[in-house]
Amino acid sequence: MYAIRIALLVLALLINGACYQLSAQHASDDAFFRGVVVDAVSGDSIPFVSIDSYRPDQHWTGASDFDGAFMVRLPKNWLFVEVKATGYRTERFVVDLRSGWLELRVALQPVGQ
């Protein structure tokens, strides 16, 4: 009985290690895009802004939090980004996430300004 417990423990550790290795390998293909969205006139943060990222074959979506901050996990690559909020002009730009990390301050222009 003791030998079976040891064998199961070793098997569980091996499976856990293999899963961790696969997870770490997959994580190295990911990049983090974070920042804050603000009003271009007042400088105040804008909550709950839609942040869409595109490649020709894929689409990701995210949103800023109550303080206008956001962090999106995306693949390391060039991506098109669209940031939009009600009452503001939509901002569209390209980001290079090949380094694995990008931090931006996105200023949205109020409509009518």
N, C-alpha and C. Protein backbone atom coordinates (compact mmCIF):
# COMPACT_ATOMS: atom_id res chain seq x y z
N MET A 1 0.82 -1.19 0.00
CA MET A 1 0.00 0.00 0.00
C MET A 1 0.87 1.26 0.00
N TYR A 2 1.93 1.24 0.79
CA TYR A 2 2.86 2.38 0.87
C TYR A 2 3.51 2.63 -0.49
N ALA A 3 3.89 1.59 -1.20
CA ALA A 3 4.52 1.70 -2.52
C ALA A 3 3.56 2.32 -3.53
N ILE A 4 2.27 1.99 -3.43
CA ILE A 4 1.28 2.55 -4.35
C ILE A 4 1.13 4.05 -4.10
N ARG A 5 1.11 4.46 -2.83
CA ARG A 5 1.01 5.88 -2.50
C ARG A 5 2.21 6.65 -3.04
N ILE A 6 3.40 6.09 -2.87
CA ILE A 6 4.61 6.73 -3.37
C ILE A 6 4.55 6.84 -4.89
N ALA A 7 4.12 5.77 -5.56
CA ALA A 7 4.02 5.77 -7.02
C ALA A 7 3.02 6.83 -7.49
N LEU A 8 1.88 6.94 -6.82
CA LEU A 8 0.88 7.94 -7.18
C LEU A 8 1.40 9.36 -6.94
N LEU A 9 2.12 9.56 -5.87
CA LEU A 9 2.71 10.86 -5.57
C LEU A 9 3.72 11.25 -6.65
N VAL A 10 4.58 10.32 -7.03
CA VAL A 10 5.57 10.58 -8.08
C VAL A 10 4.87 10.87 -9.40
N LEU A 11 3.84 10.11 -9.73
CA LEU A 11 3.09 10.34 -10.96
C LEU A 11 2.44 11.72 -10.95
N ALA A 12 1.84 12.10 -9.82
CA ALA A 12 1.22 13.42 -9.71
C ALA A 12 2.25 14.53 -9.89
N LEU A 13 3.42 14.37 -9.30
CA LEU A 13 4.48 15.38 -9.44
C LEU A 13 4.96 15.48 -10.88
N LEU A 14 5.07 14.36 -11.55
CA LEU A 14 5.50 14.36 -12.96
C LEU A 14 4.47 15.05 -13.84
N ILE A 15 3.20 14.74 -13.62
CA ILE A 15 2.14 15.38 -14.40
C ILE A 15 2.11 16.88 -14.12
N ASN A 16 2.22 17.27 -12.86
CA ASN A 16 2.23 18.68 -12.50
C ASN A 16 3.41 19.40 -13.16
N GLY A 17 4.57 18.78 -13.15
CA GLY A 17 5.75 19.38 -13.78
C GLY A 17 5.57 19.53 -15.28
N ALA A 18 4.97 18.54 -15.93
CA ALA A 18 4.74 18.61 -17.37
C ALA A 18 3.74 19.71 -17.69
N CYS A 19 2.69 19.84 -16.89
CA CYS A 19 1.70 20.90 -17.10
C CYS A 19 2.33 22.27 -16.90
N TYR A 20 3.17 22.41 -15.88
CA TYR A 20 3.84 23.69 -15.63
C TYR A 20 4.74 24.05 -16.80
N GLN A 21 5.45 23.06 -17.33
CA GLN A 21 6.35 23.32 -18.45
C GLN A 21 5.56 23.76 -19.68
N LEU A 22 4.43 23.11 -19.96
CA LEU A 22 3.60 23.50 -21.09
C LEU A 22 3.03 24.89 -20.87
N SER A 23 2.61 25.19 -19.65
CA SER A 23 2.07 26.50 -19.33
C SER A 23 3.14 27.58 -19.49
N ALA A 24 4.34 27.31 -19.02
CA ALA A 24 5.42 28.29 -19.13
C ALA A 24 5.81 28.50 -20.59
N GLN A 25 5.79 27.42 -21.36
CA GLN A 25 6.12 27.54 -22.78
C GLN A 25 5.06 28.38 -23.49
N HIS A 26 3.79 28.16 -23.17
CA HIS A 26 2.72 28.94 -23.77
C HIS A 26 2.79 30.40 -23.31
N ALA A 27 3.09 30.63 -22.06
CA ALA A 27 3.15 31.99 -21.53
C ALA A 27 4.25 32.81 -22.20
N SER A 28 5.31 32.16 -22.65
CA SER A 28 6.39 32.91 -23.30
C SER A 28 5.96 33.46 -24.65
N ASP A 29 4.85 32.94 -25.21
CA ASP A 29 4.32 33.45 -26.46
C ASP A 29 3.37 34.62 -26.25
N ASP A 30 3.08 34.96 -24.99
CA ASP A 30 2.13 36.01 -24.67
C ASP A 30 2.84 37.32 -24.35
N ALA A 31 2.12 38.40 -24.57
CA ALA A 31 2.60 39.74 -24.24
C ALA A 31 1.53 40.43 -23.40
N PHE A 32 1.93 41.46 -22.69
CA PHE A 32 1.01 42.21 -21.86
C PHE A 32 0.97 43.66 -22.34
N PHE A 33 -0.24 44.12 -22.60
CA PHE A 33 -0.49 45.48 -23.06
C PHE A 33 -1.31 46.14 -21.96
N ARG A 34 -0.73 47.14 -21.32
CA ARG A 34 -1.44 47.78 -20.22
C ARG A 34 -1.32 49.29 -20.32
N GLY A 35 -2.20 49.97 -19.60
CA GLY A 35 -2.15 51.42 -19.61
C GLY A 35 -3.36 52.01 -18.94
N VAL A 36 -3.61 53.27 -19.29
CA VAL A 36 -4.74 54.00 -18.74
C VAL A 36 -5.35 54.83 -19.86
N VAL A 37 -6.68 54.98 -19.82
CA VAL A 37 -7.39 55.79 -20.81
C VAL A 37 -7.88 57.04 -20.11
N VAL A 38 -7.55 58.20 -20.70
CA VAL A 38 -7.91 59.49 -20.10
C VAL A 38 -8.61 60.39 -21.10
N ASP A 39 -9.32 61.37 -20.58
CA ASP A 39 -9.93 62.42 -21.38
C ASP A 39 -8.81 63.36 -21.83
N ALA A 40 -8.71 63.60 -23.14
CA ALA A 40 -7.62 64.42 -23.68
C ALA A 40 -7.70 65.88 -23.23
N VAL A 41 -8.88 66.36 -22.86
CA VAL A 41 -9.03 67.75 -22.46
C VAL A 41 -8.80 67.92 -20.96
N SER A 42 -9.49 67.12 -20.16
CA SER A 42 -9.42 67.30 -18.70
C SER A 42 -8.31 66.47 -18.04
N GLY A 43 -7.89 65.39 -18.70
CA GLY A 43 -6.89 64.50 -18.10
C GLY A 43 -7.49 63.49 -17.14
N ASP A 44 -8.82 63.55 -16.94
CA ASP A 44 -9.49 62.59 -16.05
C ASP A 44 -9.53 61.21 -16.68
N SER A 45 -9.44 60.19 -15.85
CA SER A 45 -9.53 58.83 -16.37
C SER A 45 -10.96 58.55 -16.85
N ILE A 46 -11.05 57.65 -17.84
CA ILE A 46 -12.36 57.27 -18.40
C ILE A 46 -12.61 55.81 -18.06
N PRO A 47 -13.64 55.53 -17.29
CA PRO A 47 -13.91 54.13 -16.91
C PRO A 47 -14.64 53.36 -18.01
N PHE A 48 -14.47 52.06 -18.00
CA PHE A 48 -15.22 51.10 -18.82
C PHE A 48 -15.11 51.37 -20.32
N VAL A 49 -13.91 51.68 -20.78
CA VAL A 49 -13.63 51.91 -22.19
C VAL A 49 -13.42 50.57 -22.87
N SER A 50 -13.94 50.42 -24.07
CA SER A 50 -13.76 49.19 -24.85
C SER A 50 -12.40 49.22 -25.54
N ILE A 51 -11.63 48.14 -25.40
CA ILE A 51 -10.31 48.03 -26.03
C ILE A 51 -10.30 46.76 -26.86
N ASP A 52 -10.31 46.93 -28.18
CA ASP A 52 -10.33 45.81 -29.10
C ASP A 52 -8.99 45.70 -29.80
N SER A 53 -8.49 44.48 -29.92
CA SER A 53 -7.21 44.22 -30.60
C SER A 53 -7.47 43.22 -31.72
N TYR A 54 -6.83 43.46 -32.86
CA TYR A 54 -7.09 42.64 -34.04
C TYR A 54 -5.80 42.19 -34.71
N ARG A 55 -5.88 41.04 -35.30
CA ARG A 55 -4.97 40.54 -36.32
C ARG A 55 -5.89 40.12 -37.45
N PRO A 56 -5.36 39.90 -38.65
CA PRO A 56 -6.28 39.51 -39.73
C PRO A 56 -7.13 38.28 -39.41
N ASP A 57 -6.61 37.37 -38.60
CA ASP A 57 -7.33 36.12 -38.34
C ASP A 57 -7.90 36.01 -36.93
N GLN A 58 -7.69 37.02 -36.06
CA GLN A 58 -8.15 36.91 -34.67
C GLN A 58 -8.58 38.26 -34.13
N HIS A 59 -9.37 38.21 -33.04
CA HIS A 59 -9.87 39.41 -32.39
C HIS A 59 -9.90 39.18 -30.88
N TRP A 60 -9.46 40.15 -30.10
CA TRP A 60 -9.51 40.10 -28.64
C TRP A 60 -10.20 41.37 -28.17
N THR A 61 -10.88 41.27 -27.06
CA THR A 61 -11.54 42.45 -26.52
C THR A 61 -11.29 42.55 -25.02
N GLY A 62 -11.23 43.76 -24.54
CA GLY A 62 -11.03 44.02 -23.13
C GLY A 62 -11.67 45.34 -22.78
N ALA A 63 -11.51 45.76 -21.54
CA ALA A 63 -12.11 47.03 -21.11
C ALA A 63 -11.27 47.62 -19.99
N SER A 64 -11.35 48.93 -19.88
CA SER A 64 -10.69 49.59 -18.75
C SER A 64 -11.57 49.42 -17.52
N ASP A 65 -10.95 49.54 -16.36
CA ASP A 65 -11.70 49.41 -15.10
C ASP A 65 -12.28 50.78 -14.70
N PHE A 66 -12.76 50.87 -13.48
CA PHE A 66 -13.37 52.09 -12.97
C PHE A 66 -12.42 53.28 -13.02
N ASP A 67 -11.11 53.03 -12.90
CA ASP A 67 -10.10 54.09 -12.91
C ASP A 67 -9.49 54.33 -14.28
N GLY A 68 -10.05 53.69 -15.31
CA GLY A 68 -9.52 53.86 -16.67
C GLY A 68 -8.33 52.98 -16.98
N ALA A 69 -7.91 52.16 -16.03
CA ALA A 69 -6.73 51.29 -16.23
C ALA A 69 -7.15 50.00 -16.94
N PHE A 70 -6.23 49.46 -17.74
CA PHE A 70 -6.50 48.20 -18.41
C PHE A 70 -5.22 47.38 -18.51
N MET A 71 -5.37 46.08 -18.62
CA MET A 71 -4.27 45.18 -18.92
C MET A 71 -4.85 44.01 -19.71
N VAL A 72 -4.29 43.79 -20.89
CA VAL A 72 -4.77 42.75 -21.78
C VAL A 72 -3.61 41.82 -22.11
N ARG A 73 -3.87 40.53 -22.04
CA ARG A 73 -2.87 39.52 -22.41
C ARG A 73 -3.11 39.14 -23.87
N LEU A 74 -2.09 39.34 -24.70
CA LEU A 74 -2.21 39.14 -26.14
C LEU A 74 -0.99 38.38 -26.65
N PRO A 75 -1.05 37.89 -27.88
CA PRO A 75 0.13 37.23 -28.44
C PRO A 75 1.21 38.26 -28.80
N LYS A 76 2.46 37.83 -28.74
CA LYS A 76 3.56 38.70 -29.15
C LYS A 76 3.50 38.88 -30.66
N ASN A 77 3.17 40.10 -31.09
CA ASN A 77 3.02 40.36 -32.51
C ASN A 77 2.66 41.83 -32.71
N TRP A 78 2.56 42.24 -33.96
CA TRP A 78 2.00 43.53 -34.30
C TRP A 78 0.48 43.37 -34.26
N LEU A 79 -0.23 44.32 -33.65
CA LEU A 79 -1.68 44.24 -33.58
C LEU A 79 -2.30 45.61 -33.84
N PHE A 80 -3.48 45.60 -34.43
CA PHE A 80 -4.28 46.81 -34.56
C PHE A 80 -5.09 46.95 -33.28
N VAL A 81 -5.18 48.16 -32.75
CA VAL A 81 -5.91 48.40 -31.51
C VAL A 81 -6.94 49.51 -31.76
N GLU A 82 -8.13 49.31 -31.20
CA GLU A 82 -9.19 50.30 -31.29
C GLU A 82 -9.69 50.55 -29.88
N VAL A 83 -9.66 51.83 -29.46
CA VAL A 83 -10.10 52.22 -28.11
C VAL A 83 -11.29 53.15 -28.29
N LYS A 84 -12.44 52.75 -27.68
CA LYS A 84 -13.64 53.56 -27.89
C LYS A 84 -14.48 53.65 -26.63
N ALA A 85 -15.11 54.81 -26.49
CA ALA A 85 -16.00 55.08 -25.35
C ALA A 85 -17.10 56.02 -25.82
N THR A 86 -18.26 55.87 -25.26
CA THR A 86 -19.39 56.74 -25.58
C THR A 86 -19.04 58.19 -25.24
N GLY A 87 -19.29 59.08 -26.21
CA GLY A 87 -19.01 60.50 -26.00
C GLY A 87 -17.60 60.92 -26.39
N TYR A 88 -16.80 59.97 -26.93
CA TYR A 88 -15.42 60.24 -27.31
C TYR A 88 -15.13 59.73 -28.71
N ARG A 89 -14.18 60.36 -29.39
CA ARG A 89 -13.74 59.88 -30.70
C ARG A 89 -12.94 58.59 -30.52
N THR A 90 -13.16 57.65 -31.41
CA THR A 90 -12.45 56.37 -31.37
C THR A 90 -11.00 56.57 -31.79
N GLU A 91 -10.09 55.99 -31.05
CA GLU A 91 -8.66 56.01 -31.40
C GLU A 91 -8.28 54.66 -31.98
N ARG A 92 -7.58 54.68 -33.11
CA ARG A 92 -7.09 53.46 -33.75
C ARG A 92 -5.59 53.61 -33.97
N PHE A 93 -4.85 52.56 -33.62
CA PHE A 93 -3.40 52.59 -33.80
C PHE A 93 -2.86 51.17 -33.84
N VAL A 94 -1.59 51.06 -34.19
CA VAL A 94 -0.91 49.76 -34.25
C VAL A 94 0.09 49.69 -33.11
N VAL A 95 0.17 48.53 -32.45
CA VAL A 95 1.14 48.33 -31.39
C VAL A 95 2.05 47.17 -31.74
N ASP A 96 3.27 47.25 -31.28
CA ASP A 96 4.26 46.19 -31.45
C ASP A 96 4.47 45.52 -30.10
N LEU A 97 3.95 44.32 -29.96
CA LEU A 97 4.06 43.59 -28.69
C LEU A 97 5.11 42.49 -28.75
N ARG A 98 5.99 42.55 -29.73
CA ARG A 98 7.00 41.49 -29.86
C ARG A 98 7.97 41.45 -28.69
N SER A 99 8.13 42.56 -27.98
CA SER A 99 9.03 42.58 -26.82
C SER A 99 8.39 41.91 -25.60
N GLY A 100 7.06 41.72 -25.64
CA GLY A 100 6.37 41.06 -24.53
C GLY A 100 5.69 42.01 -23.57
N TRP A 101 5.91 43.33 -23.73
CA TRP A 101 5.35 44.29 -22.77
C TRP A 101 5.20 45.65 -23.43
N LEU A 102 4.08 46.30 -23.20
CA LEU A 102 3.87 47.66 -23.68
C LEU A 102 2.93 48.37 -22.73
N GLU A 103 3.29 49.59 -22.37
CA GLU A 103 2.45 50.40 -21.49
C GLU A 103 2.18 51.73 -22.18
N LEU A 104 0.90 52.12 -22.25
CA LEU A 104 0.50 53.34 -22.94
C LEU A 104 -0.49 54.15 -22.12
N ARG A 105 -0.48 55.44 -22.36
CA ARG A 105 -1.51 56.36 -21.87
C ARG A 105 -2.29 56.78 -23.11
N VAL A 106 -3.55 56.38 -23.19
CA VAL A 106 -4.38 56.67 -24.35
C VAL A 106 -5.31 57.83 -24.01
N ALA A 107 -5.19 58.91 -24.77
CA ALA A 107 -6.01 60.10 -24.55
C ALA A 107 -7.11 60.16 -25.60
N LEU A 108 -8.36 60.07 -25.17
CA LEU A 108 -9.49 60.16 -26.08
C LEU A 108 -10.04 61.57 -26.13
N GLN A 109 -10.30 62.02 -27.33
CA GLN A 109 -10.83 63.37 -27.57
C GLN A 109 -12.35 63.35 -27.43
N PRO A 110 -12.94 64.22 -26.59
CA PRO A 110 -14.40 64.27 -26.49
C PRO A 110 -15.03 64.66 -27.83
N VAL A 111 -16.18 64.08 -28.14
CA VAL A 111 -16.90 64.43 -29.37
C VAL A 111 -17.30 65.90 -29.28
N GLY A 112 -17.15 66.62 -30.39
CA GLY A 112 -17.50 68.04 -30.40
C GLY A 112 -16.38 68.96 -29.97
N GLN A 113 -15.21 68.41 -29.70
CA GLN A 113 -14.06 69.24 -29.29
C GLN A 113 -13.06 69.33 -30.40
